[in-house]
Amino acid sequence: MRTRRLILILMLAVASGWAIPDKSSVDDLKARLANARPEDRPNLCLQIAERQVAAADKLFTDGKVEEGQAAVQDVVSYSQQAGEAVRQTGRRLKNTEIALRKMARRLTDIKHGLPSDDQPPVQAAIDTLEKIRTDLLNSMFGKKEK
């Protein structure tokens, strides 16, 4: 009975360790990106971009428009880096495309909550993410040259 309890406790401890998300800050992720292997770069870039989307949403909500626009520019920059890294490695194309689609949708939701004067930079970011997505889809499903 005692060993069963110990095994159950160990299983719960391991499971809870897996359930805890990575709490690295954006700056930590940027530092890791500088020395990352090519196959790890897309995931790191996407993590940074996704966190910057969340940060932009909070900044815009708090009325910090300039800081929110800077976060949106980070989203674009790291999304472009993720797209380039995925094309170079040829791996994680689908996952990257899905992440970009989700970020574009979230940015669209953010844009709708902004005054019309603050919307154009966010729309430009959405357009850029959509272009990266389209390029990834073309590389996955486009015509192959013989």
C-alpha atoms as a PDB file:
ATOM      1  CA  MET A   1       0.000   0.000   0.000  1.00  0.00           C
ATOM      2  CA  ARG A   2       2.832   2.343   0.854  1.00  0.00           C
ATOM      3  CA  THR A   3       4.622   1.750  -2.446  1.00  0.00           C
ATOM      4  CA  ARG A   4       1.423   2.425  -4.369  1.00  0.00           C
ATOM      5  CA  ARG A   5       1.086   5.748  -2.607  1.00  0.00           C
ATOM      6  CA  LEU A   6       4.726   6.576  -3.356  1.00  0.00           C
ATOM      7  CA  ILE A   7       4.296   5.635  -7.019  1.00  0.00           C
ATOM      8  CA  LEU A   8       1.144   7.764  -7.235  1.00  0.00           C
ATOM      9  CA  ILE A   9       2.947  10.732  -5.684  1.00  0.00           C
ATOM     10  CA  LEU A  10       5.868  10.327  -8.083  1.00  0.00           C
ATOM     11  CA  MET A  11       3.516  10.088 -11.065  1.00  0.00           C
ATOM     12  CA  LEU A  12       1.699  13.243  -9.997  1.00  0.00           C
ATOM     13  CA  ALA A  13       4.986  15.076  -9.493  1.00  0.00           C
ATOM     14  CA  VAL A  14       6.224  14.108 -12.954  1.00  0.00           C
ATOM     15  CA  ALA A  15       2.890  14.960 -14.575  1.00  0.00           C
ATOM     16  CA  SER A  16       2.728  18.349 -12.886  1.00  0.00           C
ATOM     17  CA  GLY A  17       6.275  19.096 -14.013  1.00  0.00           C
ATOM     18  CA  TRP A  18       5.250  18.454 -17.596  1.00  0.00           C
ATOM     19  CA  ALA A  19       2.162  20.601 -17.241  1.00  0.00           C
ATOM     20  CA  ILE A  20       4.078  23.675 -16.091  1.00  0.00           C
ATOM     21  CA  PRO A  21       4.659  25.913 -19.108  1.00  0.00           C
ATOM     22  CA  ASP A  22       8.049  27.387 -19.830  1.00  0.00           C
ATOM     23  CA  LYS A  23       8.121  30.701 -17.970  1.00  0.00           C
ATOM     24  CA  SER A  24      11.210  32.073 -19.689  1.00  0.00           C
ATOM     25  CA  SER A  25      11.015  35.768 -20.293  1.00  0.00           C
ATOM     26  CA  VAL A  26      11.162  37.234 -23.768  1.00  0.00           C
ATOM     27  CA  ASP A  27      14.681  38.492 -23.077  1.00  0.00           C
ATOM     28  CA  ASP A  28      15.766  34.994 -22.007  1.00  0.00           C
ATOM     29  CA  LEU A  29      14.292  33.538 -25.186  1.00  0.00           C
ATOM     30  CA  LYS A  30      16.061  36.183 -27.293  1.00  0.00           C
ATOM     31  CA  ALA A  31      19.347  35.300 -25.594  1.00  0.00           C
ATOM     32  CA  ARG A  32      18.773  31.584 -26.240  1.00  0.00           C
ATOM     33  CA  LEU A  33      17.953  32.346 -29.872  1.00  0.00           C
ATOM     34  CA  ALA A  34      21.393  33.846 -30.461  1.00  0.00           C
ATOM     35  CA  ASN A  35      23.066  30.484 -29.781  1.00  0.00           C
ATOM     36  CA  ALA A  36      20.293  28.130 -30.877  1.00  0.00           C
ATOM     37  CA  ARG A  37      20.735  25.295 -33.332  1.00  0.00           C
ATOM     38  CA  PRO A  38      19.023  25.856 -36.697  1.00  0.00           C
ATOM     39  CA  GLU A  39      16.308  23.288 -35.959  1.00  0.00           C
ATOM     40  CA  ASP A  40      15.478  25.014 -32.637  1.00  0.00           C
ATOM     41  CA  ARG A  41      15.275  28.541 -34.060  1.00  0.00           C
ATOM     42  CA  PRO A  42      11.708  28.368 -35.485  1.00  0.00           C
ATOM     43  CA  ASN A  43      10.214  27.301 -32.175  1.00  0.00           C
ATOM     44  CA  LEU A  44      12.099  29.963 -30.211  1.00  0.00           C
ATOM     45  CA  CYS A  45      11.124  32.678 -32.696  1.00  0.00           C
ATOM     46  CA  LEU A  46       7.484  31.639 -32.509  1.00  0.00           C
ATOM     47  CA  GLN A  47       7.552  31.634 -28.703  1.00  0.00           C
ATOM     48  CA  ILE A  48       8.947  35.161 -28.716  1.00  0.00           C
ATOM     49  CA  ALA A  49       6.397  36.328 -31.280  1.00  0.00           C
ATOM     50  CA  GLU A  50       3.475  34.750 -29.405  1.00  0.00           C
ATOM     51  CA  ARG A  51       4.541  36.348 -26.136  1.00  0.00           C
ATOM     52  CA  GLN A  52       4.917  39.695 -27.863  1.00  0.00           C
ATOM     53  CA  VAL A  53       1.359  39.396 -29.225  1.00  0.00           C
ATOM     54  CA  ALA A  54       0.129  38.899 -25.659  1.00  0.00           C
ATOM     55  CA  ALA A  55       2.288  41.805 -24.485  1.00  0.00           C
ATOM     56  CA  ALA A  56       0.976  44.045 -27.277  1.00  0.00           C
ATOM     57  CA  ASP A  57      -2.592  43.216 -26.320  1.00  0.00           C
ATOM     58  CA  LYS A  58      -1.929  44.159 -22.700  1.00  0.00           C
ATOM     59  CA  LEU A  59      -0.035  47.312 -23.664  1.00  0.00           C
ATOM     60  CA  PHE A  60      -2.805  48.506 -25.972  1.00  0.00           C
ATOM     61  CA  THR A  61      -5.376  47.747 -23.279  1.00  0.00           C
ATOM     62  CA  ASP A  62      -3.330  49.794 -20.799  1.00  0.00           C
ATOM     63  CA  GLY A  63      -3.195  52.712 -23.249  1.00  0.00           C
ATOM     64  CA  LYS A  64       0.524  52.351 -24.009  1.00  0.00           C
ATOM     65  CA  VAL A  65       0.150  52.605 -27.775  1.00  0.00           C
ATOM     66  CA  GLU A  66       3.811  53.245 -28.703  1.00  0.00           C
ATOM     67  CA  GLU A  67       5.025  50.309 -26.607  1.00  0.00           C
ATOM     68  CA  GLY A  68       2.258  48.161 -28.093  1.00  0.00           C
ATOM     69  CA  GLN A  69       3.354  49.121 -31.620  1.00  0.00           C
ATOM     70  CA  ALA A  70       6.945  48.161 -30.712  1.00  0.00           C
ATOM     71  CA  ALA A  71       5.727  44.765 -29.499  1.00  0.00           C
ATOM     72  CA  VAL A  72       3.817  44.320 -32.770  1.00  0.00           C
ATOM     73  CA  GLN A  73       7.032  45.078 -34.692  1.00  0.00           C
ATOM     74  CA  ASP A  74       8.776  42.366 -32.652  1.00  0.00           C
ATOM     75  CA  VAL A  75       5.986  39.978 -33.638  1.00  0.00           C
ATOM     76  CA  VAL A  76       6.661  40.714 -37.307  1.00  0.00           C
ATOM     77  CA  SER A  77      10.432  40.465 -36.947  1.00  0.00           C
ATOM     78  CA  TYR A  78      10.446  37.142 -35.109  1.00  0.00           C
ATOM     79  CA  SER A  79       7.706  35.707 -37.330  1.00  0.00           C
ATOM     80  CA  GLN A  80       9.868  36.501 -40.358  1.00  0.00           C
ATOM     81  CA  GLN A  81      12.841  34.852 -38.678  1.00  0.00           C
ATOM     82  CA  ALA A  82      10.731  31.788 -37.908  1.00  0.00           C
ATOM     83  CA  GLY A  83       9.598  31.602 -41.531  1.00  0.00           C
ATOM     84  CA  GLU A  84      13.163  31.850 -42.813  1.00  0.00           C
ATOM     85  CA  ALA A  85      14.414  29.247 -40.335  1.00  0.00           C
ATOM     86  CA  VAL A  86      11.622  26.835 -41.271  1.00  0.00           C
ATOM     87  CA  ARG A  87      12.338  27.202 -44.972  1.00  0.00           C
ATOM     88  CA  GLN A  88      16.035  26.544 -44.358  1.00  0.00           C
ATOM     89  CA  THR A  89      15.490  23.421 -42.271  1.00  0.00           C
ATOM     90  CA  GLY A  90      12.377  22.172 -44.088  1.00  0.00           C
ATOM     91  CA  ARG A  91      10.918  21.070 -40.754  1.00  0.00           C
ATOM     92  CA  ARG A  92       7.952  22.287 -38.679  1.00  0.00           C
ATOM     93  CA  LEU A  93       6.337  23.995 -41.686  1.00  0.00           C
ATOM     94  CA  LYS A  94       2.820  23.037 -40.657  1.00  0.00           C
ATOM     95  CA  ASN A  95       3.265  23.994 -36.991  1.00  0.00           C
ATOM     96  CA  THR A  96       4.762  27.333 -37.958  1.00  0.00           C
ATOM     97  CA  GLU A  97       1.938  28.076 -40.391  1.00  0.00           C
ATOM     98  CA  ILE A  98      -0.652  27.273 -37.719  1.00  0.00           C
ATOM     99  CA  ALA A  99       1.080  29.484 -35.149  1.00  0.00           C
ATOM    100  CA  LEU A 100       1.266  32.353 -37.638  1.00  0.00           C
ATOM    101  CA  ARG A 101      -2.437  31.990 -38.425  1.00  0.00           C
ATOM    102  CA  LYS A 102      -3.340  32.122 -34.738  1.00  0.00           C
ATOM    103  CA  MET A 103      -1.186  35.205 -34.193  1.00  0.00           C
ATOM    104  CA  ALA A 104      -2.723  36.941 -37.215  1.00  0.00           C
ATOM    105  CA  ARG A 105      -6.201  36.243 -35.840  1.00  0.00           C
ATOM    106  CA  ARG A 106      -5.254  37.571 -32.434  1.00  0.00           C
ATOM    107  CA  LEU A 107      -3.748  40.697 -33.981  1.00  0.00           C
ATOM    108  CA  THR A 108      -6.977  41.157 -35.941  1.00  0.00           C
ATOM    109  CA  ASP A 109      -8.931  41.030 -32.688  1.00  0.00           C
ATOM    110  CA  ILE A 110      -6.524  43.535 -31.145  1.00  0.00           C
ATOM    111  CA  LYS A 111      -6.847  45.827 -34.165  1.00  0.00           C
ATOM    112  CA  HIS A 112     -10.636  45.933 -33.857  1.00  0.00           C
ATOM    113  CA  GLY A 113     -10.285  47.227 -30.310  1.00  0.00           C
ATOM    114  CA  LEU A 114      -8.020  50.115 -31.314  1.00  0.00           C
ATOM    115  CA  PRO A 115      -8.943  53.612 -32.456  1.00  0.00           C
ATOM    116  CA  SER A 116      -8.763  53.975 -36.242  1.00  0.00           C
ATOM    117  CA  ASP A 117      -5.580  56.083 -36.031  1.00  0.00           C
ATOM    118  CA  ASP A 118      -3.687  53.231 -34.327  1.00  0.00           C
ATOM    119  CA  GLN A 119      -4.909  50.431 -36.616  1.00  0.00           C
ATOM    120  CA  PRO A 120      -2.686  50.776 -39.744  1.00  0.00           C
ATOM    121  CA  PRO A 121       0.569  49.460 -38.185  1.00  0.00           C
ATOM    122  CA  VAL A 122      -1.283  46.483 -36.749  1.00  0.00           C
ATOM    123  CA  GLN A 123      -2.927  45.823 -40.132  1.00  0.00           C
ATOM    124  CA  ALA A 124       0.507  45.978 -41.770  1.00  0.00           C
ATOM    125  CA  ALA A 125       1.736  43.368 -39.293  1.00  0.00           C
ATOM    126  CA  ILE A 126      -1.268  41.149 -40.052  1.00  0.00           C
ATOM    127  CA  ASP A 127      -0.573  41.469 -43.778  1.00  0.00           C
ATOM    128  CA  THR A 128       3.073  40.501 -43.243  1.00  0.00           C
ATOM    129  CA  LEU A 129       2.121  37.447 -41.190  1.00  0.00           C
ATOM    130  CA  GLU A 130      -0.355  36.414 -43.879  1.00  0.00           C
ATOM    131  CA  LYS A 131       2.360  36.767 -46.540  1.00  0.00           C
ATOM    132  CA  ILE A 132       4.724  34.559 -44.524  1.00  0.00           C
ATOM    133  CA  ARG A 133       1.899  32.014 -44.112  1.00  0.00           C
ATOM    134  CA  THR A 134       1.171  32.064 -47.831  1.00  0.00           C
ATOM    135  CA  ASP A 135       4.845  31.496 -48.626  1.00  0.00           C
ATOM    136  CA  LEU A 136       4.934  28.542 -46.221  1.00  0.00           C
ATOM    137  CA  LEU A 137       1.765  27.076 -47.714  1.00  0.00           C
ATOM    138  CA  ASN A 138       3.238  27.448 -51.205  1.00  0.00           C
ATOM    139  CA  SER A 139       6.389  25.649 -50.130  1.00  0.00           C
ATOM    140  CA  MET A 140       4.265  22.846 -48.628  1.00  0.00           C
ATOM    141  CA  PHE A 141       1.683  22.497 -51.397  1.00  0.00           C
ATOM    142  CA  GLY A 142       2.931  24.524 -54.355  1.00  0.00           C
ATOM    143  CA  LYS A 143       4.072  23.073 -57.634  1.00  0.00           C
ATOM    144  CA  LYS A 144       7.372  21.275 -57.444  1.00  0.00           C
ATOM    145  CA  GLU A 145       9.900  22.013 -60.161  1.00  0.00           C
ATOM    146  CA  LYS A 146      11.171  18.950 -62.014  1.00  0.00           C
END
